[in-house]
């Protein structure tokens, strides 16, 4: 994954380019145009804010490593999931983040609806996979259908069609 450099909001939405909140320096004017963090979003307020920022500012990436992020998430860390229910609550938060990105960025310079739909497909693919692993067939089907509607059948999610078909069968006949 490449760091965002220049003005590439669509590539950020498609997760082809990345920026991490801990390593971004922002001019005051760009921060003011972007607005404040949405604290109603648990653990994704930075991703939603960055989505707004990439529609407001040009980026310049420094090639050296300035930050190292430990993904082991110790107990008590914001991104730590104590169990399956924590993961499922995170899905609801990520869905809310997606919808807020569309709502708040949809009229900004550089908005690309197809890039947002791709991102929605990526997120919902993850939601569906987790429900399938948990053998929660009906919820997986529900999330698949919702994701297909939001993403307009974006490829990351559409690839799960066969697995969701099997889930439909299992939901009907048990399994």
Foldseek 3Di string as FASTA:
>chain_A
DAAAAFQDLLCVLLVVHDDDPVPDDDDPVLDVQLDDFDVVQQPCSRVLSVSSSSLRDGDHDDPDDPDDDDPPQDPPRSPDDPDLVSVLVNLVSVVVSLVSSCVVPVPGHPDDQLSSLSSLLQSLLVVLVSCVVVLVLVVSLVSLVVSCVSSVCHPSSVVCVVVNVVSVVCVVVPD
